[in-house]
Protein backbone atom coordinates (compact mmCIF):
# COMPACT_ATOMS: atom_id res chain seq x y z
CA ASN A 1 104.82 83.23 83.07
CA ASP A 2 108.30 83.99 82.00
CA PHE A 3 109.28 83.27 85.58
CA ILE A 4 107.37 80.04 86.28
CA LEU A 5 107.14 78.35 82.26
CA PRO A 6 109.60 75.63 81.79
CA GLY A 7 112.04 77.52 79.38
CA GLY A 8 110.98 81.00 80.07
CA PRO A 9 113.56 83.92 79.62
CA MET A 10 113.25 84.41 82.97
CA GLN A 11 112.85 81.29 84.83
CA VAL A 12 112.79 80.67 88.94
CA VAL A 13 113.45 76.98 89.54
CA GLY A 14 110.53 76.02 91.86
CA GLY A 15 108.69 79.19 91.18
CA ALA A 16 105.51 77.42 90.31
CA ALA A 17 105.24 75.89 93.82
CA VAL A 18 104.69 79.90 95.24
CA VAL A 19 101.52 80.28 93.04
CA PRO A 20 98.75 78.75 95.38
CA SER A 21 100.07 80.90 97.97
CA VAL A 22 100.18 84.01 96.22
CA ARG A 23 96.85 83.23 94.83
CA LYS A 24 95.08 82.50 98.51
CA ALA A 25 97.10 85.68 99.49
CA VAL A 26 95.46 87.66 97.05
CA GLU A 27 92.35 86.31 97.76
CA ILE A 28 92.37 87.07 101.17
CA GLY A 29 93.56 90.97 100.16
CA ARG A 30 90.45 90.99 97.96
CA LYS A 31 88.27 90.11 100.42
CA ARG A 32 89.62 92.69 102.81
CA GLY A 33 89.44 95.32 100.21
CA ALA A 34 93.11 95.91 99.56
CA LEU A 35 94.17 97.15 96.79
CA ILE A 36 96.24 94.29 94.54
CA ILE A 37 98.91 95.83 91.84
CA TRP A 38 100.76 93.44 89.32
């Protein structure tokens, strides 16, 4: 949240735009048995 929330201490402008792509990639990875580490 620090990277995407407005006013977050490490906010990356436009960072929220990548969230849907990351979610989709994680979903595909999990279906294929990939280990997801955050």
